[in-house]
């Protein structure tokens, strides 16, 4: 005959094990990899340079907006900064040209949208791929292109409203569930200030 206390302990351990296993399964089914913080975000973008300082020049008309795009990004491993080859709009001068960083010229409320197409050709992974919007190195949400079969494409998009202080940085990082090569056929980032704080 078992003691009641021992049964309670074994029952508790069994419940704990089941909870851990279910948690692992949930993480394997589409949860973003743990890359919520990029500690070296200031050094991640070569376009910023070692002595880069935000201008701190908020335009008098308070018009701040940018739209950039890129293509054929290939990476693997941990969180990787996306660089954008084409600048469509850069009102207010917040977008740092030739890289992957927006620096807020004014304190206020902003809206950002990122979208991308994940390709699985040329060895690109079929697994989940994410592109997250980071504020000063901290993830504020992610677009997710889900797992597919064969060479099918998958898309992801995410929009977030953020209050930024003058000089705050916005960057996008791509991550994936596996260590396999990820391929972004096309991707874009757009942002604009909704209302200045002053």
N, C-alpha and C. Protein backbone atom coordinates (compact mmCIF):
# COMPACT_ATOMS: atom_id res chain seq x y z
N UNK A 1 0.84 -1.17 0.00
CA UNK A 1 0.00 0.00 0.00
C UNK A 1 0.89 1.25 0.00
N UNK A 2 0.57 2.20 -0.90
CA UNK A 2 1.36 3.43 -0.99
C UNK A 2 0.82 4.47 -0.02
N UNK A 3 1.72 5.29 0.43
CA UNK A 3 1.31 6.38 1.31
C UNK A 3 0.62 7.47 0.48
N UNK A 4 -0.39 8.16 1.05
CA UNK A 4 -1.08 9.22 0.32
C UNK A 4 -0.13 10.35 -0.12
N UNK A 5 0.82 10.69 0.72
CA UNK A 5 1.75 11.76 0.38
C UNK A 5 2.57 11.43 -0.86
N UNK A 6 3.00 10.16 -0.97
CA UNK A 6 3.81 9.74 -2.10
C UNK A 6 2.98 9.77 -3.38
N UNK A 7 1.72 9.37 -3.32
CA UNK A 7 0.85 9.42 -4.50
C UNK A 7 0.67 10.86 -4.97
N UNK A 8 0.54 11.77 -4.05
CA UNK A 8 0.36 13.18 -4.39
C UNK A 8 1.61 13.71 -5.09
N UNK A 9 2.77 13.35 -4.58
CA UNK A 9 4.02 13.80 -5.20
C UNK A 9 4.15 13.23 -6.60
N UNK A 10 3.89 11.93 -6.78
CA UNK A 10 3.99 11.31 -8.11
C UNK A 10 2.96 11.91 -9.06
N UNK A 11 1.77 12.15 -8.56
CA UNK A 11 0.74 12.78 -9.40
C UNK A 11 1.15 14.18 -9.83
N UNK A 12 1.73 14.93 -8.88
CA UNK A 12 2.18 16.28 -9.18
C UNK A 12 3.31 16.26 -10.21
N UNK A 13 4.27 15.34 -10.05
CA UNK A 13 5.38 15.23 -11.00
C UNK A 13 4.89 14.83 -12.39
N UNK A 14 3.90 13.93 -12.44
CA UNK A 14 3.32 13.51 -13.72
C UNK A 14 2.66 14.69 -14.41
N UNK A 15 1.86 15.46 -13.66
CA UNK A 15 1.20 16.65 -14.22
C UNK A 15 2.22 17.66 -14.73
N UNK A 16 3.30 17.85 -13.98
CA UNK A 16 4.34 18.78 -14.38
C UNK A 16 5.01 18.33 -15.67
N UNK A 17 5.30 17.04 -15.77
CA UNK A 17 5.92 16.50 -16.98
C UNK A 17 5.02 16.67 -18.19
N UNK A 18 3.73 16.39 -18.04
CA UNK A 18 2.78 16.56 -19.14
C UNK A 18 2.71 18.02 -19.56
N UNK A 19 2.69 18.94 -18.60
CA UNK A 19 2.62 20.37 -18.91
C UNK A 19 3.86 20.81 -19.68
N UNK A 20 5.03 20.33 -19.28
CA UNK A 20 6.27 20.68 -19.97
C UNK A 20 6.25 20.15 -21.39
N UNK A 21 5.83 18.90 -21.56
CA UNK A 21 5.77 18.31 -22.90
C UNK A 21 4.79 19.04 -23.79
N UNK A 22 3.63 19.40 -23.27
CA UNK A 22 2.65 20.15 -24.06
C UNK A 22 3.18 21.53 -24.40
N UNK A 23 3.89 22.14 -23.49
CA UNK A 23 4.48 23.45 -23.77
C UNK A 23 5.51 23.38 -24.88
N UNK A 24 6.34 22.33 -24.86
CA UNK A 24 7.33 22.15 -25.91
C UNK A 24 6.66 21.93 -27.25
N UNK A 25 5.56 21.14 -27.25
CA UNK A 25 4.84 20.89 -28.50
C UNK A 25 4.25 22.19 -29.05
N UNK A 26 3.69 23.02 -28.17
CA UNK A 26 3.11 24.29 -28.61
C UNK A 26 4.18 25.20 -29.19
N UNK A 27 5.38 25.21 -28.58
CA UNK A 27 6.46 26.03 -29.11
C UNK A 27 6.92 25.54 -30.46
N UNK A 28 6.86 24.23 -30.67
CA UNK A 28 7.30 23.67 -31.95
C UNK A 28 6.30 23.95 -33.05
N UNK A 29 5.05 24.27 -32.70
CA UNK A 29 4.00 24.49 -33.69
C UNK A 29 3.77 25.97 -33.93
N UNK A 30 4.77 26.70 -34.38
CA UNK A 30 4.56 28.06 -34.83
C UNK A 30 4.93 29.16 -33.85
N UNK A 31 5.40 28.83 -32.69
CA UNK A 31 5.82 29.88 -31.77
C UNK A 31 7.13 30.48 -32.24
N UNK A 32 7.26 31.78 -32.09
CA UNK A 32 8.47 32.45 -32.54
C UNK A 32 9.67 32.01 -31.72
N UNK A 33 10.83 31.81 -32.38
CA UNK A 33 12.04 31.47 -31.63
C UNK A 33 12.36 32.57 -30.63
N UNK A 34 13.09 32.20 -29.59
CA UNK A 34 13.42 33.18 -28.57
C UNK A 34 14.48 34.15 -29.09
N UNK A 35 14.01 35.26 -29.63
CA UNK A 35 14.90 36.30 -30.13
C UNK A 35 14.24 37.65 -29.86
N UNK A 36 13.60 37.77 -28.72
CA UNK A 36 12.85 38.97 -28.40
C UNK A 36 13.74 40.16 -28.12
N UNK A 37 15.01 39.93 -27.79
CA UNK A 37 15.93 41.03 -27.51
C UNK A 37 17.21 40.84 -28.32
N UNK A 38 17.60 41.90 -29.03
CA UNK A 38 18.88 41.93 -29.73
C UNK A 38 19.75 42.94 -29.00
N UNK A 39 20.74 42.43 -28.27
CA UNK A 39 21.54 43.29 -27.39
C UNK A 39 22.43 44.25 -28.15
N UNK A 40 22.99 43.82 -29.27
CA UNK A 40 23.91 44.66 -30.04
C UNK A 40 23.22 45.32 -31.22
N UNK A 41 22.00 45.80 -31.03
CA UNK A 41 21.25 46.35 -32.16
C UNK A 41 21.93 47.59 -32.77
N UNK A 42 22.68 48.34 -31.97
CA UNK A 42 23.36 49.52 -32.52
C UNK A 42 24.52 49.14 -33.44
N UNK A 43 25.09 47.95 -33.21
CA UNK A 43 26.20 47.49 -34.04
C UNK A 43 25.75 46.58 -35.17
N UNK A 44 24.47 46.19 -35.17
CA UNK A 44 23.98 45.25 -36.16
C UNK A 44 23.90 45.85 -37.56
N UNK A 45 23.75 47.17 -37.65
CA UNK A 45 23.58 47.82 -38.94
C UNK A 45 24.85 48.59 -39.30
N UNK A 46 25.60 48.11 -40.31
CA UNK A 46 26.83 48.81 -40.71
C UNK A 46 26.57 50.24 -41.19
N UNK A 47 25.35 50.52 -41.66
CA UNK A 47 25.03 51.87 -42.16
C UNK A 47 25.03 52.90 -41.04
N UNK A 48 24.88 52.45 -39.79
CA UNK A 48 24.90 53.39 -38.67
C UNK A 48 26.30 53.90 -38.39
N UNK A 49 27.31 53.06 -38.63
CA UNK A 49 28.69 53.46 -38.37
C UNK A 49 28.96 53.58 -36.89
N UNK A 50 30.21 53.65 -36.52
CA UNK A 50 30.58 53.66 -35.11
C UNK A 50 30.20 54.97 -34.41
N UNK A 51 30.19 56.07 -35.15
CA UNK A 51 29.90 57.35 -34.52
C UNK A 51 28.53 57.90 -34.87
N UNK A 52 27.60 57.05 -35.33
CA UNK A 52 26.30 57.55 -35.76
C UNK A 52 25.52 58.12 -34.58
N UNK A 53 24.92 59.28 -34.80
CA UNK A 53 24.03 59.91 -33.83
C UNK A 53 22.76 60.30 -34.56
N UNK A 54 21.61 60.07 -33.94
CA UNK A 54 20.36 60.52 -34.52
C UNK A 54 20.39 62.04 -34.63
N UNK A 55 19.81 62.58 -35.70
CA UNK A 55 19.89 64.02 -35.95
C UNK A 55 19.16 64.83 -34.89
N UNK A 56 18.04 64.32 -34.39
CA UNK A 56 17.27 65.06 -33.40
C UNK A 56 16.59 66.28 -34.01
N UNK A 57 16.50 66.30 -35.34
CA UNK A 57 15.88 67.43 -36.02
C UNK A 57 14.47 67.05 -36.48
N UNK A 58 13.50 67.36 -35.65
CA UNK A 58 12.11 67.09 -36.01
C UNK A 58 11.68 68.15 -37.02
N UNK A 59 11.17 67.73 -38.19
CA UNK A 59 10.79 68.73 -39.19
C UNK A 59 9.66 69.62 -38.69
N UNK A 60 9.69 70.87 -39.09
CA UNK A 60 8.69 71.84 -38.64
C UNK A 60 7.28 71.42 -39.04
N UNK A 61 7.13 70.77 -40.20
CA UNK A 61 5.79 70.36 -40.65
C UNK A 61 5.34 69.03 -40.03
N UNK A 62 6.20 68.41 -39.24
CA UNK A 62 5.92 67.14 -38.55
C UNK A 62 5.55 66.01 -39.53
N UNK A 63 6.02 66.11 -40.76
CA UNK A 63 5.78 65.03 -41.73
C UNK A 63 6.92 64.04 -41.65
N UNK A 64 6.66 62.86 -41.09
CA UNK A 64 7.65 61.80 -40.97
C UNK A 64 7.04 60.53 -41.53
N UNK A 65 7.63 59.99 -42.59
CA UNK A 65 7.14 58.75 -43.20
C UNK A 65 8.26 58.14 -44.03
N UNK A 66 8.30 56.82 -44.06
CA UNK A 66 9.27 56.15 -44.92
C UNK A 66 8.67 54.85 -45.44
N UNK A 67 9.16 54.41 -46.57
CA UNK A 67 8.77 53.14 -47.15
C UNK A 67 9.98 52.58 -47.88
N UNK A 68 10.39 51.37 -47.50
CA UNK A 68 11.58 50.75 -48.08
C UNK A 68 11.28 49.30 -48.46
N UNK A 69 12.08 48.76 -49.36
CA UNK A 69 11.87 47.36 -49.77
C UNK A 69 13.20 46.68 -50.04
N UNK A 70 13.16 45.36 -50.02
CA UNK A 70 14.35 44.56 -50.31
C UNK A 70 13.95 43.27 -50.99
N UNK A 71 14.94 42.52 -51.44
CA UNK A 71 14.67 41.24 -52.11
C UNK A 71 15.86 40.31 -51.97
N UNK A 72 15.57 39.03 -52.16
CA UNK A 72 16.59 37.97 -52.20
C UNK A 72 17.48 37.93 -50.96
N UNK A 73 16.86 38.05 -49.79
CA UNK A 73 17.62 37.91 -48.54
C UNK A 73 17.77 36.43 -48.20
N UNK A 74 19.00 36.02 -47.89
CA UNK A 74 19.28 34.64 -47.48
C UNK A 74 20.10 34.69 -46.20
N UNK A 75 19.66 33.96 -45.18
CA UNK A 75 20.40 33.88 -43.93
C UNK A 75 20.03 32.60 -43.20
N UNK A 76 20.72 32.31 -42.13
CA UNK A 76 20.37 31.19 -41.28
C UNK A 76 20.94 31.43 -39.89
N UNK A 77 20.49 30.63 -38.94
CA UNK A 77 20.95 30.80 -37.58
C UNK A 77 20.05 31.75 -36.81
N UNK A 78 20.66 32.57 -35.94
CA UNK A 78 19.90 33.46 -35.06
C UNK A 78 19.30 34.65 -35.78
N UNK A 79 18.77 35.57 -34.99
CA UNK A 79 18.13 36.77 -35.51
C UNK A 79 19.10 37.55 -36.40
N UNK A 80 18.65 37.89 -37.61
CA UNK A 80 19.48 38.59 -38.59
C UNK A 80 18.78 39.87 -39.03
N UNK A 81 19.50 40.99 -38.96
CA UNK A 81 18.95 42.28 -39.38
C UNK A 81 18.68 42.26 -40.87
N UNK A 82 17.50 42.76 -41.26
CA UNK A 82 17.19 42.91 -42.67
C UNK A 82 17.68 44.26 -43.17
N UNK A 83 18.40 44.24 -44.28
CA UNK A 83 18.79 45.47 -44.96
C UNK A 83 17.86 45.67 -46.14
N UNK A 84 17.58 46.92 -46.46
CA UNK A 84 16.64 47.26 -47.53
C UNK A 84 17.37 48.01 -48.63
N UNK A 85 17.30 47.48 -49.86
CA UNK A 85 18.07 48.05 -50.96
C UNK A 85 17.40 49.28 -51.58
N UNK A 86 16.08 49.37 -51.48
CA UNK A 86 15.37 50.43 -52.18
C UNK A 86 14.59 51.31 -51.20
N UNK A 87 14.78 52.62 -51.31
CA UNK A 87 14.03 53.58 -50.50
C UNK A 87 13.02 54.27 -51.40
N UNK A 88 11.74 54.08 -51.11
CA UNK A 88 10.67 54.68 -51.91
C UNK A 88 10.34 56.07 -51.38
N UNK A 89 10.25 56.19 -50.06
CA UNK A 89 9.90 57.46 -49.40
C UNK A 89 10.75 57.62 -48.16
N UNK A 90 11.19 58.86 -47.89
CA UNK A 90 11.92 59.16 -46.66
C UNK A 90 11.65 60.60 -46.24
N UNK A 91 10.41 60.88 -45.85
CA UNK A 91 10.05 62.22 -45.40
C UNK A 91 10.50 62.40 -43.95
N UNK A 92 11.16 63.46 -43.67
CA UNK A 92 11.62 63.74 -42.31
C UNK A 92 13.01 63.22 -42.03
N UNK A 93 13.57 62.44 -42.96
CA UNK A 93 14.96 61.99 -42.85
C UNK A 93 15.24 60.96 -41.78
N UNK A 94 14.23 60.23 -41.32
CA UNK A 94 14.45 59.24 -40.25
C UNK A 94 15.06 57.94 -40.71
N UNK A 95 14.87 57.60 -42.00
CA UNK A 95 15.43 56.34 -42.49
C UNK A 95 16.92 56.51 -42.77
N UNK A 96 17.73 55.59 -42.25
CA UNK A 96 19.17 55.62 -42.47
C UNK A 96 19.46 54.89 -43.77
N UNK A 97 19.82 55.65 -44.79
CA UNK A 97 19.94 55.06 -46.12
C UNK A 97 21.06 54.03 -46.21
N UNK A 98 20.78 52.97 -46.99
CA UNK A 98 21.75 51.90 -47.21
C UNK A 98 21.78 50.85 -46.13
N UNK A 99 20.83 50.88 -45.21
CA UNK A 99 20.85 49.90 -44.13
C UNK A 99 19.48 49.36 -43.79
N UNK A 100 19.24 49.20 -42.48
CA UNK A 100 18.00 48.61 -42.03
C UNK A 100 17.46 49.27 -40.78
N UNK A 101 17.69 50.60 -40.63
CA UNK A 101 17.33 51.27 -39.38
C UNK A 101 16.58 52.57 -39.63
N UNK A 102 15.51 52.77 -38.87
CA UNK A 102 14.80 54.05 -38.81
C UNK A 102 15.09 54.66 -37.45
N UNK A 103 15.44 55.95 -37.43
CA UNK A 103 15.68 56.67 -36.19
C UNK A 103 14.64 57.79 -36.09
N UNK A 104 13.80 57.75 -35.07
CA UNK A 104 12.69 58.70 -34.95
C UNK A 104 13.19 60.13 -34.79
N UNK A 105 12.85 61.03 -35.72
CA UNK A 105 13.28 62.41 -35.58
C UNK A 105 12.40 63.22 -34.62
N UNK A 106 11.21 62.69 -34.30
CA UNK A 106 10.27 63.38 -33.40
C UNK A 106 9.72 62.39 -32.39
N UNK A 107 9.42 62.87 -31.20
CA UNK A 107 8.71 62.06 -30.21
C UNK A 107 7.23 62.04 -30.58
N UNK A 108 6.63 60.85 -30.58
CA UNK A 108 5.22 60.77 -30.91
C UNK A 108 4.76 59.36 -31.17
N UNK A 109 3.54 59.24 -31.67
CA UNK A 109 2.92 57.96 -32.00
C UNK A 109 3.19 57.62 -33.46
N UNK A 110 3.70 56.41 -33.69
CA UNK A 110 4.03 55.94 -35.04
C UNK A 110 3.32 54.62 -35.32
N UNK A 111 3.14 54.32 -36.60
CA UNK A 111 2.62 53.03 -37.03
C UNK A 111 3.61 52.43 -38.02
N UNK A 112 3.91 51.13 -37.87
CA UNK A 112 4.85 50.42 -38.74
C UNK A 112 4.20 49.14 -39.27
N UNK A 113 4.47 48.83 -40.54
CA UNK A 113 3.99 47.59 -41.14
C UNK A 113 5.15 46.90 -41.86
N UNK A 114 5.34 45.62 -41.56
CA UNK A 114 6.34 44.82 -42.27
C UNK A 114 5.60 43.69 -42.98
N UNK A 115 6.05 43.36 -44.18
CA UNK A 115 5.48 42.22 -44.90
C UNK A 115 6.59 41.54 -45.69
N UNK A 116 6.40 40.24 -45.95
CA UNK A 116 7.43 39.51 -46.70
C UNK A 116 6.85 38.25 -47.33
N UNK A 117 7.57 37.76 -48.33
CA UNK A 117 7.26 36.49 -48.98
C UNK A 117 8.43 35.56 -48.74
N UNK A 118 8.16 34.43 -48.06
CA UNK A 118 9.20 33.43 -47.83
C UNK A 118 9.18 32.43 -48.97
N UNK A 119 10.33 32.28 -49.62
CA UNK A 119 10.46 31.31 -50.69
C UNK A 119 11.17 30.07 -50.19
N UNK A 120 10.87 28.94 -50.82
CA UNK A 120 11.50 27.68 -50.41
C UNK A 120 12.33 27.09 -51.54
N UNK A 121 12.64 27.88 -52.55
CA UNK A 121 13.47 27.38 -53.64
C UNK A 121 14.95 27.52 -53.28
N UNK A 122 15.79 26.87 -54.06
CA UNK A 122 17.24 26.96 -53.87
C UNK A 122 17.68 26.65 -52.45
N UNK A 123 17.04 25.66 -51.84
CA UNK A 123 17.44 25.21 -50.51
C UNK A 123 16.84 25.99 -49.36
N UNK A 124 15.93 26.93 -49.64
CA UNK A 124 15.29 27.68 -48.57
C UNK A 124 14.40 26.77 -47.73
N UNK A 125 14.30 27.06 -46.44
CA UNK A 125 13.53 26.21 -45.54
C UNK A 125 12.03 26.27 -45.84
N UNK A 126 11.35 25.16 -45.57
CA UNK A 126 9.90 25.09 -45.66
C UNK A 126 9.28 25.39 -44.31
N UNK A 127 10.12 25.51 -43.28
CA UNK A 127 9.63 25.74 -41.92
C UNK A 127 9.17 27.18 -41.73
N UNK A 128 8.63 27.45 -40.54
CA UNK A 128 8.17 28.79 -40.18
C UNK A 128 9.31 29.80 -40.22
N UNK A 129 9.01 30.97 -40.76
CA UNK A 129 9.96 32.08 -40.79
C UNK A 129 9.24 33.31 -40.25
N UNK A 130 9.95 34.12 -39.46
CA UNK A 130 9.38 35.30 -38.83
C UNK A 130 10.19 36.53 -39.21
N UNK A 131 9.52 37.67 -39.30
CA UNK A 131 10.19 38.97 -39.38
C UNK A 131 9.58 39.83 -38.29
N UNK A 132 10.41 40.25 -37.34
CA UNK A 132 9.90 41.01 -36.20
C UNK A 132 10.35 42.46 -36.27
N UNK A 133 9.48 43.34 -35.76
CA UNK A 133 9.76 44.76 -35.66
C UNK A 133 10.33 45.02 -34.27
N UNK A 134 11.53 45.56 -34.21
CA UNK A 134 12.20 45.82 -32.93
C UNK A 134 12.31 47.31 -32.66
N UNK A 135 12.03 47.70 -31.43
CA UNK A 135 12.24 49.06 -30.96
C UNK A 135 13.40 49.03 -29.98
N UNK A 136 14.49 49.68 -30.36
CA UNK A 136 15.70 49.70 -29.51
C UNK A 136 16.11 48.29 -29.09
N UNK A 137 16.04 47.36 -30.03
CA UNK A 137 16.50 45.99 -29.79
C UNK A 137 15.49 45.06 -29.18
N UNK A 138 14.28 45.53 -28.87
CA UNK A 138 13.25 44.70 -28.24
C UNK A 138 12.11 44.46 -29.22
N UNK A 139 11.73 43.19 -29.41
CA UNK A 139 10.67 42.84 -30.35
C UNK A 139 9.33 43.40 -29.90
N UNK A 140 8.61 44.01 -30.86
CA UNK A 140 7.27 44.55 -30.59
C UNK A 140 6.21 43.83 -31.40
N UNK A 141 6.56 42.70 -31.99
CA UNK A 141 5.60 41.91 -32.76
C UNK A 141 6.23 41.37 -34.03
N UNK A 142 5.63 40.28 -34.55
CA UNK A 142 6.24 39.60 -35.69
C UNK A 142 5.24 39.22 -36.76
N UNK A 143 5.69 39.32 -38.00
CA UNK A 143 4.99 38.73 -39.13
C UNK A 143 5.45 37.27 -39.22
N UNK A 144 4.54 36.38 -39.61
CA UNK A 144 4.83 34.95 -39.61
C UNK A 144 4.41 34.32 -40.93
N UNK A 145 5.35 33.68 -41.61
CA UNK A 145 5.05 32.89 -42.81
C UNK A 145 5.13 31.43 -42.40
N UNK A 146 4.00 30.75 -42.44
CA UNK A 146 3.91 29.39 -41.92
C UNK A 146 4.56 28.34 -42.80
N UNK A 147 4.70 27.16 -42.22
CA UNK A 147 5.34 26.02 -42.88
C UNK A 147 4.54 25.60 -44.11
N UNK A 148 5.25 25.21 -45.16
CA UNK A 148 4.62 24.74 -46.39
C UNK A 148 5.24 23.42 -46.83
N UNK A 149 4.72 22.88 -47.91
CA UNK A 149 5.22 21.64 -48.48
C UNK A 149 5.88 21.97 -49.82
N UNK A 150 6.92 21.26 -50.16
CA UNK A 150 7.63 21.44 -51.44
C UNK A 150 8.15 22.87 -51.58
N UNK A 151 8.00 23.45 -52.79
CA UNK A 151 8.56 24.78 -53.07
C UNK A 151 7.51 25.89 -53.01
N UNK A 152 6.48 25.70 -52.22
CA UNK A 152 5.44 26.71 -52.10
C UNK A 152 5.96 27.94 -51.36
N UNK A 153 5.37 29.10 -51.73
CA UNK A 153 5.70 30.34 -51.03
C UNK A 153 4.72 30.53 -49.89
N UNK A 154 5.11 31.37 -48.93
CA UNK A 154 4.26 31.71 -47.81
C UNK A 154 4.50 33.17 -47.47
N UNK A 155 3.46 33.87 -47.01
CA UNK A 155 3.60 35.29 -46.73
C UNK A 155 3.32 35.60 -45.26
N UNK A 156 3.81 36.74 -44.82
CA UNK A 156 3.54 37.21 -43.47
C UNK A 156 3.48 38.72 -43.46
N UNK A 157 2.64 39.27 -42.59
CA UNK A 157 2.56 40.72 -42.43
C UNK A 157 2.20 41.05 -40.99
N UNK A 158 2.66 42.20 -40.51
CA UNK A 158 2.35 42.62 -39.14
C UNK A 158 2.38 44.14 -39.08
N UNK A 159 1.41 44.71 -38.37
CA UNK A 159 1.33 46.16 -38.15
C UNK A 159 1.29 46.42 -36.66
N UNK A 160 2.03 47.44 -36.22
CA UNK A 160 2.05 47.78 -34.80
C UNK A 160 2.12 49.31 -34.64
N UNK A 161 1.41 49.83 -33.64
CA UNK A 161 1.50 51.24 -33.27
C UNK A 161 2.41 51.36 -32.05
N UNK A 162 3.38 52.27 -32.12
CA UNK A 162 4.36 52.42 -31.05
C UNK A 162 4.57 53.88 -30.72
N UNK A 163 4.72 54.17 -29.45
CA UNK A 163 5.11 55.52 -29.02
C UNK A 163 6.64 55.55 -28.97
N UNK A 164 7.23 56.44 -29.75
CA UNK A 164 8.69 56.53 -29.82
C UNK A 164 9.17 57.85 -29.24
N UNK A 165 10.28 57.78 -28.55
CA UNK A 165 10.99 58.99 -28.13
C UNK A 165 11.92 59.40 -29.27
N UNK A 166 12.20 60.68 -29.37
CA UNK A 166 13.15 61.15 -30.37
C UNK A 166 14.45 60.37 -30.26
N UNK A 167 14.93 59.82 -31.38
CA UNK A 167 16.17 59.05 -31.39
C UNK A 167 15.99 57.56 -31.19
N UNK A 168 14.77 57.08 -30.89
CA UNK A 168 14.53 55.63 -30.80
C UNK A 168 14.77 54.98 -32.15
N UNK A 169 15.18 53.71 -32.12
CA UNK A 169 15.48 52.97 -33.34
C UNK A 169 14.41 51.92 -33.62
N UNK A 170 14.07 51.78 -34.90
CA UNK A 170 13.21 50.70 -35.38
C UNK A 170 14.02 49.90 -36.40
N UNK A 171 14.06 48.58 -36.19
CA UNK A 171 14.75 47.66 -37.11
C UNK A 171 13.89 46.41 -37.27
N UNK A 172 14.15 45.64 -38.31
CA UNK A 172 13.46 44.37 -38.50
C UNK A 172 14.49 43.24 -38.54
N UNK A 173 14.15 42.14 -37.88
CA UNK A 173 15.03 40.97 -37.82
C UNK A 173 14.26 39.75 -38.27
N UNK A 174 14.93 38.88 -39.02
CA UNK A 174 14.31 37.63 -39.44
C UNK A 174 14.87 36.47 -38.62
N UNK A 175 13.99 35.55 -38.26
CA UNK A 175 14.36 34.35 -37.52
C UNK A 175 13.57 33.18 -38.10
N UNK A 176 13.93 31.97 -37.70
CA UNK A 176 13.21 30.79 -38.16
C UNK A 176 13.28 29.69 -37.11
N UNK A 177 12.42 28.70 -37.28
CA UNK A 177 12.31 27.61 -36.31
C UNK A 177 13.51 26.67 -36.35
N UNK A 178 14.13 26.57 -37.50
CA UNK A 178 15.21 25.59 -37.65
C UNK A 178 16.51 26.30 -38.01
N UNK A 179 17.57 25.55 -38.08
CA UNK A 179 18.85 26.11 -38.47
C UNK A 179 19.06 26.14 -39.97
N UNK A 180 18.02 25.73 -40.73
CA UNK A 180 18.16 25.69 -42.18
C UNK A 180 18.13 27.09 -42.79
N UNK A 181 18.61 27.18 -44.02
CA UNK A 181 18.66 28.46 -44.72
C UNK A 181 17.25 29.02 -44.91
N UNK A 182 17.07 30.32 -44.61
CA UNK A 182 15.79 30.96 -44.88
C UNK A 182 15.98 31.95 -46.02
N UNK A 183 14.96 32.01 -46.86
CA UNK A 183 15.01 32.87 -48.04
C UNK A 183 13.79 33.77 -48.06
N UNK A 184 14.01 35.08 -48.12
CA UNK A 184 12.93 36.05 -48.28
C UNK A 184 13.02 36.57 -49.69
N UNK A 185 12.03 36.21 -50.51
CA UNK A 185 12.06 36.64 -51.92
C UNK A 185 11.90 38.16 -52.03
N UNK A 186 10.89 38.70 -51.36
CA UNK A 186 10.68 40.15 -51.30
C UNK A 186 10.21 40.50 -49.90
N UNK A 187 10.49 41.73 -49.47
CA UNK A 187 10.05 42.19 -48.15
C UNK A 187 10.00 43.71 -48.15
N UNK A 188 9.17 44.27 -47.29
CA UNK A 188 9.03 45.73 -47.24
C UNK A 188 8.73 46.18 -45.82
N UNK A 189 9.05 47.44 -45.55
CA UNK A 189 8.80 48.06 -44.26
C UNK A 189 8.33 49.48 -44.51
N UNK A 190 7.21 49.84 -43.91
CA UNK A 190 6.66 51.19 -44.04
C UNK A 190 6.33 51.71 -42.65
N UNK A 191 6.59 52.98 -42.42
CA UNK A 191 6.26 53.59 -41.13
C UNK A 191 5.93 55.05 -41.30
N UNK A 192 5.09 55.57 -40.42
CA UNK A 192 4.81 57.01 -40.43
C UNK A 192 4.38 57.46 -39.04
N UNK A 193 4.60 58.74 -38.78
CA UNK A 193 4.16 59.31 -37.52
C UNK A 193 2.69 59.66 -37.64
N UNK A 194 1.91 59.24 -36.65
CA UNK A 194 0.49 59.54 -36.61
C UNK A 194 0.26 60.90 -35.95
N UNK A 195 0.97 61.11 -34.84
CA UNK A 195 0.80 62.37 -34.11
C UNK A 195 2.06 62.67 -33.32
N UNK A 196 2.54 63.89 -33.43
CA UNK A 196 3.69 64.33 -32.65
C UNK A 196 3.26 64.58 -31.21
N UNK A 197 4.17 64.35 -30.28
CA UNK A 197 3.87 64.57 -28.86
C UNK A 197 3.94 66.03 -28.50
N UNK A 198 4.51 66.88 -29.36
CA UNK A 198 4.66 68.31 -29.03
C UNK A 198 4.06 69.17 -30.11
